[in-house]
N, C-alpha and C. Protein backbone atom coordinates (compact mmCIF):
# COMPACT_ATOMS: atom_id res chain seq x y z
N MET A 1 0.64 -1.25 0.14
CA MET A 1 0.08 0.05 -0.12
C MET A 1 0.89 0.97 0.20
N ALA A 2 0.42 1.93 -0.85
CA ALA A 2 1.37 3.39 -1.08
C ALA A 2 1.22 4.79 -0.07
N THR A 3 2.16 5.56 0.44
CA THR A 3 1.43 6.26 1.39
C THR A 3 1.65 7.88 0.54
N ALA A 4 0.72 8.33 1.11
CA ALA A 4 1.08 9.89 0.43
C ALA A 4 2.06 10.86 0.55
N PRO A 5 2.85 10.83 0.16
CA PRO A 5 4.16 12.25 0.21
C PRO A 5 3.59 12.89 1.37
N GLY A 6 4.74 12.86 2.50
CA GLY A 6 4.87 13.72 3.56
C GLY A 6 4.13 12.96 4.89
N ARG A 7 3.36 11.73 4.82
CA ARG A 7 2.49 10.96 6.02
C ARG A 7 3.55 9.96 5.60
N PHE A 8 3.89 9.17 7.38
CA PHE A 8 4.06 8.10 7.53
C PHE A 8 3.63 7.26 7.72
N SER A 9 3.98 5.75 7.80
CA SER A 9 3.00 4.21 7.88
C SER A 9 2.41 4.34 9.24
N GLY A 10 1.94 3.38 9.53
CA GLY A 10 1.24 3.26 10.76
C GLY A 10 2.24 2.82 11.58
N ARG A 11 3.34 2.08 11.06
CA ARG A 11 4.39 1.75 11.91
C ARG A 11 5.27 2.73 12.24
N ARG A 12 5.09 3.72 11.17
CA ARG A 12 6.44 4.60 11.04
C ARG A 12 5.87 5.97 12.29
N SER A 13 4.69 5.92 12.46
CA SER A 13 4.39 7.21 12.96
C SER A 13 4.72 6.74 14.52
N ALA A 14 3.68 5.09 14.80
CA ALA A 14 4.80 4.60 16.07
C ALA A 14 5.94 5.33 17.20
N ALA A 15 6.96 4.82 16.19
CA ALA A 15 8.25 4.74 16.31
C ALA A 15 8.63 6.09 16.58
N ALA A 16 8.09 7.02 15.71
CA ALA A 16 8.44 8.27 15.61
C ALA A 16 8.13 9.43 16.88
N LEU A 17 6.20 8.46 16.95
CA LEU A 17 5.92 9.35 18.29
C LEU A 17 6.64 8.87 19.86
N THR A 18 7.14 7.50 19.62
CA THR A 18 7.58 6.48 20.57
C THR A 18 8.97 8.21 20.86
N LEU A 19 9.92 7.95 19.79
CA LEU A 19 10.94 8.76 20.33
C LEU A 19 10.96 10.19 20.62
N MET A 20 9.97 10.69 20.20
CA MET A 20 9.12 12.38 20.65
C MET A 20 9.13 11.96 21.95
N LEU A 21 8.57 11.03 22.75
CA LEU A 21 8.31 10.58 24.01
C LEU A 21 9.51 10.84 24.76
N LEU A 22 10.25 10.05 24.44
CA LEU A 22 11.79 9.18 24.83
C LEU A 22 12.08 10.23 25.03
N ALA A 23 12.49 11.80 23.93
CA ALA A 23 13.36 13.08 23.74
C ALA A 23 12.64 13.78 24.98
N ALA A 24 11.39 13.92 25.44
CA ALA A 24 10.70 14.70 25.80
C ALA A 24 10.69 14.15 27.06
N LEU A 25 10.59 13.35 27.83
CA LEU A 25 11.21 12.45 28.71
C LEU A 25 12.48 12.66 29.29
N THR A 26 13.48 12.30 28.32
CA THR A 26 15.09 13.04 28.92
C THR A 26 15.39 14.40 28.68
N SER A 27 14.79 14.86 27.96
CA SER A 27 14.87 16.73 28.17
C SER A 27 14.48 16.89 29.54
N LEU A 28 13.23 16.29 30.35
CA LEU A 28 12.77 17.03 31.03
C LEU A 28 13.88 16.89 32.23
N SER A 29 14.28 15.31 32.27
CA SER A 29 14.99 14.65 33.27
C SER A 29 15.90 15.55 33.53
N CYS A 30 16.92 15.78 32.38
CA CYS A 30 18.05 16.61 32.75
C CYS A 30 17.65 18.24 33.27
N SER A 31 16.60 18.68 32.72
CA SER A 31 16.34 19.89 33.42
C SER A 31 16.06 19.93 34.60
N ARG A 32 15.37 18.51 35.11
CA ARG A 32 15.08 18.48 36.63
C ARG A 32 16.70 18.41 37.56
N SER A 33 17.05 17.86 37.01
CA SER A 33 18.91 17.17 37.67
C SER A 33 19.69 18.66 37.97
N GLN A 34 19.14 19.44 36.41
CA GLN A 34 20.31 20.40 36.45
C GLN A 34 19.34 21.90 37.57
N GLN A 35 18.33 21.61 37.77
CA GLN A 35 17.73 22.35 38.99
C GLN A 35 18.21 22.00 40.17
N THR A 36 18.28 20.59 40.01
CA THR A 36 18.96 20.56 42.42
C THR A 36 20.03 20.73 41.74
N THR A 37 20.53 20.15 41.02
CA THR A 37 22.23 20.37 41.06
C THR A 37 22.12 21.82 41.20
N SER A 38 21.71 23.40 40.99
CA SER A 38 22.26 24.06 41.26
C SER A 38 21.71 24.77 42.65
N THR A 39 20.64 24.45 42.41
CA THR A 39 20.08 25.03 44.18
C THR A 39 21.13 24.04 45.28
N SER A 40 21.21 22.99 45.08
CA SER A 40 22.10 22.38 45.90
C SER A 40 23.77 23.59 46.41
N GLU A 41 23.88 23.77 44.70
CA GLU A 41 25.16 24.80 44.82
C GLU A 41 24.98 26.10 45.34
N SER A 42 23.94 26.76 45.57
CA SER A 42 23.45 28.03 45.98
C SER A 42 23.47 28.04 47.08
N ALA A 43 22.64 26.30 47.95
CA ALA A 43 22.44 26.37 48.92
C ALA A 43 23.77 26.21 49.86
N GLY A 44 24.98 25.74 49.46
CA GLY A 44 26.05 25.69 50.10
C GLY A 44 26.38 26.95 50.51
N VAL A 45 26.64 27.79 49.33
CA VAL A 45 27.09 29.14 48.96
C VAL A 45 26.48 29.93 50.16
N ALA A 46 25.08 30.40 50.32
CA ALA A 46 24.65 30.92 51.25
C ALA A 46 24.14 30.84 52.21
N ARG A 47 24.92 29.68 52.79
CA ARG A 47 24.85 29.03 54.38
C ARG A 47 25.71 30.60 54.81
N GLN A 48 25.02 30.50 56.38
CA GLN A 48 24.93 31.73 57.16
C GLN A 48 26.13 30.79 58.74
N PRO A 49 27.07 31.83 58.66
CA PRO A 49 28.18 31.64 60.25
C PRO A 49 26.75 31.14 61.45
N GLY A 50 27.14 29.70 61.64
CA GLY A 50 25.77 29.48 62.75
C GLY A 50 24.86 28.34 62.41
N ALA A 51 25.01 28.65 60.80
CA ALA A 51 23.74 27.94 60.35
C ALA A 51 23.83 26.25 60.47
N LYS A 52 22.71 25.25 59.83
CA LYS A 52 22.70 24.29 60.12
C LYS A 52 23.99 22.87 59.47
N GLY A 53 24.87 22.86 59.71
CA GLY A 53 26.25 22.23 58.73
C GLY A 53 27.02 23.12 58.78
N SER A 54 27.02 24.27 59.19
CA SER A 54 28.33 24.93 58.77
C SER A 54 29.45 24.77 60.07
N ARG A 55 30.72 25.30 59.67
CA ARG A 55 31.73 24.72 60.55
C ARG A 55 32.82 25.95 60.93
N GLY A 56 33.60 26.15 62.33
CA GLY A 56 33.78 26.81 62.45
C GLY A 56 35.44 26.64 62.41
N ALA A 57 36.39 27.39 62.48
CA ALA A 57 37.87 27.47 62.13
C ALA A 57 38.13 26.14 62.95
N SER A 58 37.60 25.79 63.49
CA SER A 58 38.46 24.45 63.99
C SER A 58 37.76 23.58 63.34
N GLY A 59 36.75 23.68 62.24
CA GLY A 59 36.25 22.23 61.74
C GLY A 59 34.82 22.00 62.68
N SER A 60 34.59 22.47 63.86
CA SER A 60 34.37 21.62 64.59
C SER A 60 32.30 21.89 64.02
N ALA A 61 31.29 21.54 64.15
CA ALA A 61 30.24 21.89 63.39
C ALA A 61 29.56 22.92 64.60
N ARG A 62 29.20 24.37 64.10
CA ARG A 62 28.60 25.56 64.90
C ARG A 62 27.15 25.16 65.73
N VAL A 63 26.54 25.53 66.83
CA VAL A 63 25.80 25.74 67.19
C VAL A 63 24.87 26.70 66.72
N ARG A 64 23.33 26.88 66.50
CA ARG A 64 22.77 27.79 66.01
C ARG A 64 22.04 28.20 67.67
N VAL A 65 21.95 29.12 67.91
CA VAL A 65 21.54 30.26 69.21
C VAL A 65 19.66 30.54 68.47
N GLU A 66 18.75 29.30 68.66
CA GLU A 66 16.98 29.43 68.51
C GLU A 66 16.67 30.80 69.41
N GLN A 67 17.44 31.22 71.18
CA GLN A 67 16.87 31.96 71.60
C GLN A 67 17.04 31.61 72.75
N ILE A 68 17.25 33.36 73.04
CA ILE A 68 17.72 33.25 74.96
C ILE A 68 17.01 34.42 75.61
N VAL A 69 16.43 33.48 76.90
CA VAL A 69 15.42 33.87 77.58
C VAL A 69 15.34 34.21 79.09
N LEU A 70 15.43 35.55 79.87
CA LEU A 70 15.98 36.02 81.02
C LEU A 70 14.55 35.35 81.88
N GLY A 71 15.45 35.78 82.99
CA GLY A 71 14.67 35.05 84.53
C GLY A 71 15.49 34.94 85.64
N ARG A 72 14.56 35.45 86.91
CA ARG A 72 15.11 34.64 88.17
C ARG A 72 15.08 33.62 88.38
N GLU A 73 14.21 32.64 87.89
CA GLU A 73 14.65 31.50 88.49
C GLU A 73 14.42 30.37 87.30
N MET A 74 14.72 29.12 87.91
CA MET A 74 15.04 28.10 86.27
C MET A 74 14.04 26.88 87.01
N THR A 75 13.99 26.28 85.78
CA THR A 75 13.03 24.83 86.12
C THR A 75 14.05 23.87 86.20
N ALA A 76 13.71 22.58 86.40
CA ALA A 76 14.83 20.95 86.36
C ALA A 76 15.33 20.84 85.51
N ASP A 77 14.23 20.94 83.90
CA ASP A 77 15.06 20.72 82.45
C ASP A 77 15.60 22.35 81.95
N ARG A 78 16.47 23.11 82.92
CA ARG A 78 17.31 24.44 82.49
C ARG A 78 16.32 25.32 81.94
N ARG A 79 15.43 25.61 81.80
CA ARG A 79 14.68 26.46 81.35
C ARG A 79 14.22 27.45 82.78
N VAL A 80 13.93 28.41 81.92
CA VAL A 80 13.72 30.13 83.15
C VAL A 80 12.47 30.13 82.98
N ILE A 81 12.39 30.40 84.24
CA ILE A 81 10.99 30.68 84.59
C ILE A 81 10.64 32.38 84.34
N THR A 82 9.60 33.00 83.55
CA THR A 82 9.71 34.16 83.04
C THR A 82 8.02 34.88 83.87
N THR A 83 8.24 35.81 84.17
CA THR A 83 6.95 36.61 84.89
C THR A 83 6.98 37.58 83.76
N GLY A 84 7.33 38.06 83.15
CA GLY A 84 6.81 38.99 82.20
C GLY A 84 7.74 40.62 82.47
N ASN A 85 8.21 39.94 83.52
CA ASN A 85 9.11 41.63 83.66
C ASN A 85 10.44 41.39 84.02
N GLU A 86 10.85 42.12 83.12
CA GLU A 86 12.14 41.72 82.46
C GLU A 86 13.20 42.71 83.00
N THR A 87 12.83 43.02 84.44
CA THR A 87 13.90 44.09 84.98
C THR A 87 14.24 43.42 85.99
N PHE A 88 15.59 43.58 86.64
CA PHE A 88 16.19 43.42 87.79
C PHE A 88 16.83 44.32 88.22
N GLU A 89 16.76 44.01 89.93
CA GLU A 89 17.51 44.71 90.56
C GLU A 89 18.52 44.28 90.67
N PRO A 90 19.74 44.76 91.33
CA PRO A 90 21.04 44.35 91.78
C PRO A 90 21.76 43.56 92.01
N ALA A 91 20.47 42.82 93.39
CA ALA A 91 20.83 41.57 93.89
C ALA A 91 20.48 40.45 93.54
N ASP A 92 19.50 40.54 92.16
CA ASP A 92 18.96 39.57 91.74
C ASP A 92 20.51 38.81 90.95
N THR A 93 20.02 37.25 91.12
CA THR A 93 20.38 36.60 90.47
C THR A 93 20.13 36.16 88.83
N VAL A 94 20.30 36.35 87.89
CA VAL A 94 20.06 36.81 86.71
C VAL A 94 20.42 35.45 85.89
N PHE A 95 19.31 34.41 85.37
CA PHE A 95 19.44 33.38 84.63
C PHE A 95 19.44 33.44 83.21
N ALA A 96 19.79 32.77 82.47
CA ALA A 96 19.48 32.99 80.99
C ALA A 96 19.30 31.58 80.66
N SER A 97 18.35 31.26 79.94
CA SER A 97 17.87 29.66 79.11
C SER A 97 18.51 30.27 77.48
N VAL A 98 19.11 29.17 77.84
CA VAL A 98 19.57 29.45 75.97
C VAL A 98 19.61 28.27 75.01
N THR A 99 18.50 28.49 74.05
CA THR A 99 17.65 27.38 73.76
C THR A 99 18.60 27.32 72.08
N LEU A 100 19.13 26.04 72.19
CA LEU A 100 20.28 25.96 70.91
C LEU A 100 19.13 24.62 69.96
N ALA A 101 19.54 25.21 68.67
CA ALA A 101 18.36 24.49 67.51
C ALA A 101 18.73 22.87 67.33
N ALA A 102 18.01 22.11 67.52
CA ALA A 102 18.66 20.79 66.59
C ALA A 102 18.69 20.96 65.22
N PRO A 103 19.58 19.57 65.15
CA PRO A 103 20.38 19.15 66.14
C PRO A 103 21.52 19.84 66.49
N THR A 104 21.90 19.22 67.77
CA THR A 104 23.03 19.91 68.40
C THR A 104 24.35 19.28 68.45
N PRO A 105 25.17 19.91 67.68
CA PRO A 105 26.37 19.34 68.21
C PRO A 105 27.18 19.38 69.16
N ALA A 106 27.90 18.20 69.53
CA ALA A 106 28.80 18.32 70.86
C ALA A 106 29.84 19.77 71.06
N ALA A 107 29.29 20.29 72.09
CA ALA A 107 30.52 21.72 71.66
C ALA A 107 30.68 22.29 73.20
N GLN A 108 31.96 23.20 73.60
CA GLN A 108 31.83 23.67 74.57
C GLN A 108 31.21 25.13 74.41
N LEU A 109 30.18 25.43 75.25
CA LEU A 109 29.68 27.19 74.91
C LEU A 109 30.26 28.18 75.99
N VAL A 110 30.34 29.25 76.19
CA VAL A 110 30.56 30.03 77.24
C VAL A 110 30.12 31.02 77.15
N GLY A 111 29.15 31.48 78.30
CA GLY A 111 28.57 32.97 78.75
C GLY A 111 29.15 33.30 79.03
N ARG A 112 29.42 35.08 78.54
CA ARG A 112 30.32 36.17 79.34
C ARG A 112 29.43 37.06 79.24
N TRP A 113 29.30 37.52 80.57
CA TRP A 113 28.51 38.63 80.88
C TRP A 113 29.38 39.82 81.27
N LYS A 114 28.65 40.88 80.27
CA LYS A 114 29.74 42.34 80.46
C LYS A 114 29.17 43.63 81.34
N ALA A 115 29.83 43.95 81.68
CA ALA A 115 29.26 45.66 82.33
C ALA A 115 28.72 46.37 81.46
N PRO A 116 28.50 47.45 81.97
CA PRO A 116 28.24 48.57 80.88
C PRO A 116 29.27 49.10 80.31
N ASP A 117 30.76 49.01 81.07
CA ASP A 117 32.15 49.48 80.40
C ASP A 117 32.37 48.57 79.66
N GLY A 118 32.37 47.43 79.26
CA GLY A 118 32.58 46.43 78.87
C GLY A 118 33.36 45.47 79.04
N THR A 119 33.95 45.68 80.60
CA THR A 119 34.46 44.62 81.96
C THR A 119 33.74 43.22 82.26
N VAL A 120 34.27 41.88 82.06
CA VAL A 120 33.47 40.52 81.89
C VAL A 120 33.34 41.31 83.40
N VAL A 121 31.89 40.50 83.89
CA VAL A 121 31.76 40.98 85.14
C VAL A 121 31.89 38.72 85.81
N TYR A 122 31.35 38.15 84.72
CA TYR A 122 31.30 36.89 85.20
C TYR A 122 31.31 35.92 83.66
N GLU A 123 32.17 34.76 83.49
CA GLU A 123 31.92 33.84 82.58
C GLU A 123 31.90 32.45 82.61
N SER A 124 31.56 31.94 82.66
CA SER A 124 31.32 30.24 82.70
C SER A 124 30.99 29.70 81.63
N THR A 125 31.51 28.22 81.57
CA THR A 125 31.44 27.45 80.35
C THR A 125 30.86 26.22 80.85
N GLU A 126 29.83 25.71 79.40
CA GLU A 126 28.84 24.78 79.74
C GLU A 126 29.26 23.54 78.46
N THR A 127 29.50 22.12 78.63
CA THR A 127 30.00 21.51 77.60
C THR A 127 27.82 21.31 77.09
N VAL A 128 27.81 21.01 75.60
CA VAL A 128 27.07 20.94 75.20
C VAL A 128 26.80 19.05 74.73
N GLN A 129 25.51 18.68 75.26
CA GLN A 129 26.01 16.86 74.19
C GLN A 129 25.25 16.78 72.96
N PRO A 130 25.80 15.85 72.10
CA PRO A 130 25.33 16.07 71.01
C PRO A 130 24.08 15.59 71.13
N SER A 131 22.93 15.89 70.24
CA SER A 131 21.49 15.49 70.63
C SER A 131 20.71 15.65 69.03
N ASN A 132 19.58 15.43 68.51
CA ASN A 132 18.99 15.05 67.64
C ASN A 132 17.75 16.42 68.00
N GLU A 133 17.37 16.93 68.99
CA GLU A 133 16.58 17.95 69.43
C GLU A 133 16.92 18.97 70.15
N GLU A 134 16.37 19.89 70.29
CA GLU A 134 16.97 21.25 71.08
C GLU A 134 17.32 21.10 71.98
N THR A 135 18.15 21.48 72.40
CA THR A 135 19.00 21.57 73.64
C THR A 135 18.83 22.76 74.24
N ALA A 136 18.32 22.86 75.91
CA ALA A 136 18.23 23.98 76.70
C ALA A 136 20.15 24.17 77.53
N VAL A 137 20.36 25.40 77.74
CA VAL A 137 21.97 25.56 78.13
C VAL A 137 21.47 26.52 79.43
N THR A 138 21.61 26.86 80.45
CA THR A 138 21.86 28.03 81.18
C THR A 138 22.90 28.76 82.00
N PHE A 139 22.74 29.92 81.84
CA PHE A 139 24.11 30.50 82.24
C PHE A 139 23.27 31.48 83.44
N HIS A 140 24.25 32.21 84.24
CA HIS A 140 23.45 33.17 85.34
C HIS A 140 24.64 33.98 85.72
N MET A 141 24.01 35.30 86.34
CA MET A 141 25.28 35.90 86.78
C MET A 141 24.35 36.69 87.95
N VAL A 142 25.35 36.89 89.05
CA VAL A 142 25.00 37.37 90.30
C VAL A 142 26.10 38.06 90.92
N LYS A 143 26.42 39.05 91.63
CA LYS A 143 27.46 39.69 92.28
C LYS A 143 26.98 39.63 93.68
N PRO A 144 27.75 39.02 94.56
CA PRO A 144 27.13 38.99 96.03
C PRO A 144 27.08 40.71 96.49
N SER A 145 28.45 41.36 96.07
CA SER A 145 28.18 43.14 96.40
C SER A 145 26.58 43.88 95.77
N GLY A 146 26.33 42.78 94.83
CA GLY A 146 25.17 43.71 93.72
C GLY A 146 25.94 43.85 92.67
N LEU A 147 25.04 44.08 92.10
CA LEU A 147 25.38 44.88 90.30
C LEU A 147 25.05 46.14 90.20
N ARG A 148 25.82 47.17 89.41
CA ARG A 148 25.45 48.16 89.19
C ARG A 148 24.51 48.83 88.06
N PRO A 149 23.45 49.39 88.21
CA PRO A 149 22.66 49.53 87.40
C PRO A 149 22.94 50.35 86.30
N GLY A 150 22.24 49.67 84.93
CA GLY A 150 23.18 49.72 83.52
C GLY A 150 22.48 48.52 82.71
N THR A 151 23.21 48.73 81.61
CA THR A 151 22.77 47.67 80.27
C THR A 151 24.14 46.52 80.48
N TYR A 152 23.64 45.23 80.69
CA TYR A 152 24.84 44.32 80.49
C TYR A 152 24.71 43.27 79.63
N THR A 153 25.28 42.97 79.41
CA THR A 153 25.40 42.05 77.82
C THR A 153 25.97 40.51 77.95
N LEU A 154 24.65 39.85 77.64
CA LEU A 154 25.26 38.16 77.45
C LEU A 154 26.00 37.54 76.40
N GLU A 155 27.45 37.63 76.32
CA GLU A 155 27.55 37.06 75.24
C GLU A 155 28.15 35.40 74.97
N LEU A 156 27.38 34.66 73.94
CA LEU A 156 27.24 33.57 74.01
C LEU A 156 28.73 33.30 73.01
N LEU A 157 30.29 32.27 73.58
CA LEU A 157 30.94 32.00 72.68
C LEU A 157 31.26 30.51 72.27
N GLN A 158 31.79 30.25 71.15
CA GLN A 158 31.82 29.22 70.65
C GLN A 158 33.15 28.71 69.89
N GLY A 159 33.98 28.39 70.57
CA GLY A 159 35.27 28.26 69.91
C GLY A 159 35.94 29.87 69.71
N GLY A 160 35.33 30.56 70.60
CA GLY A 160 35.96 31.75 70.86
C GLY A 160 34.96 32.86 69.72
N GLN A 161 34.05 32.43 69.23
CA GLN A 161 33.26 33.53 68.37
C GLN A 161 32.09 33.82 68.86
N VAL A 162 31.36 34.69 68.63
CA VAL A 162 30.16 35.05 69.47
C VAL A 162 29.13 34.60 68.14
N VAL A 163 28.39 33.37 69.37
CA VAL A 163 27.00 32.76 68.27
C VAL A 163 26.21 33.37 68.74
N GLY A 164 25.66 34.14 69.73
CA GLY A 164 24.47 34.98 70.29
C GLY A 164 24.48 35.69 71.12
N THR A 165 23.74 36.52 71.56
CA THR A 165 23.94 38.11 72.69
C THR A 165 22.49 38.11 73.01
N LYS A 166 22.85 39.13 74.48
CA LYS A 166 21.58 39.27 74.97
C LYS A 166 21.90 40.35 75.55
N GLN A 167 20.78 41.21 76.17
CA GLN A 167 21.22 42.32 77.05
C GLN A 167 20.48 42.19 78.34
N VAL A 168 20.38 42.71 79.17
CA VAL A 168 19.98 42.86 80.39
C VAL A 168 20.52 43.92 81.04
N THR A 169 19.44 44.59 81.64
CA THR A 169 19.25 46.35 81.95
C THR A 169 18.76 45.68 83.58
N ILE A 170 19.83 46.56 85.00
CA ILE A 170 19.41 46.58 86.05
C ILE A 170 19.47 47.96 86.56
N VAL A 171 18.21 47.96 87.19
CA VAL A 171 17.79 49.11 87.30
C VAL A 171 18.11 48.95 89.13
N ALA A 172 17.91 50.61 89.64
CA ALA A 172 18.23 50.72 90.75
C ALA A 172 17.18 50.10 91.22
N ARG A 173 17.37 49.62 92.91
CA ARG A 173 16.42 49.23 93.68
C ARG A 173 15.39 50.26 93.58
N MET A 174 13.90 49.38 93.83
CA MET A 174 13.11 50.21 93.98
C MET A 174 12.55 50.29 95.23
N GLY A 175 11.99 51.52 95.40
CA GLY A 175 12.53 51.95 96.95
C GLY A 175 13.36 52.85 97.68
N SER A 176 14.41 52.45 97.08
CA SER A 176 15.77 53.05 97.47
C SER A 176 16.59 54.94 97.48
């Protein structure tokens, strides 16, 4: 049976259609893998210090501070009890509950409390155990003779690098 010029036989049409579908699928598949590759590469470049998977100068994984809450008391699970009143008096103990984002790498975290003039009032180190869940670490500042009124800063350091800060204001004793 003869075919008209420019037309394919049934067998040729099926073969041509199959080849076109195969080419379209291959093209679609390639464009998806290119998209995935470029997204992964840009995600690696855009990573911020302290972001998940980022590394410090020593090569250790960085903690990510999610939240720092201040208060006068602490619970057994290392969370600070807040009363909504964020002012502290000179004789108060100031507790800071630091929530670290999951996953938490093993780390040494330093809490350094600085006076308004920049001098270090108190410093302590906490060991952070690795965990797949968020982790709470606490630090505190107290001075038996009392803290001078002013704005103090808690700096959180890992490997000498600041990974979080929080300011606290000490006000003169009420009624003095």
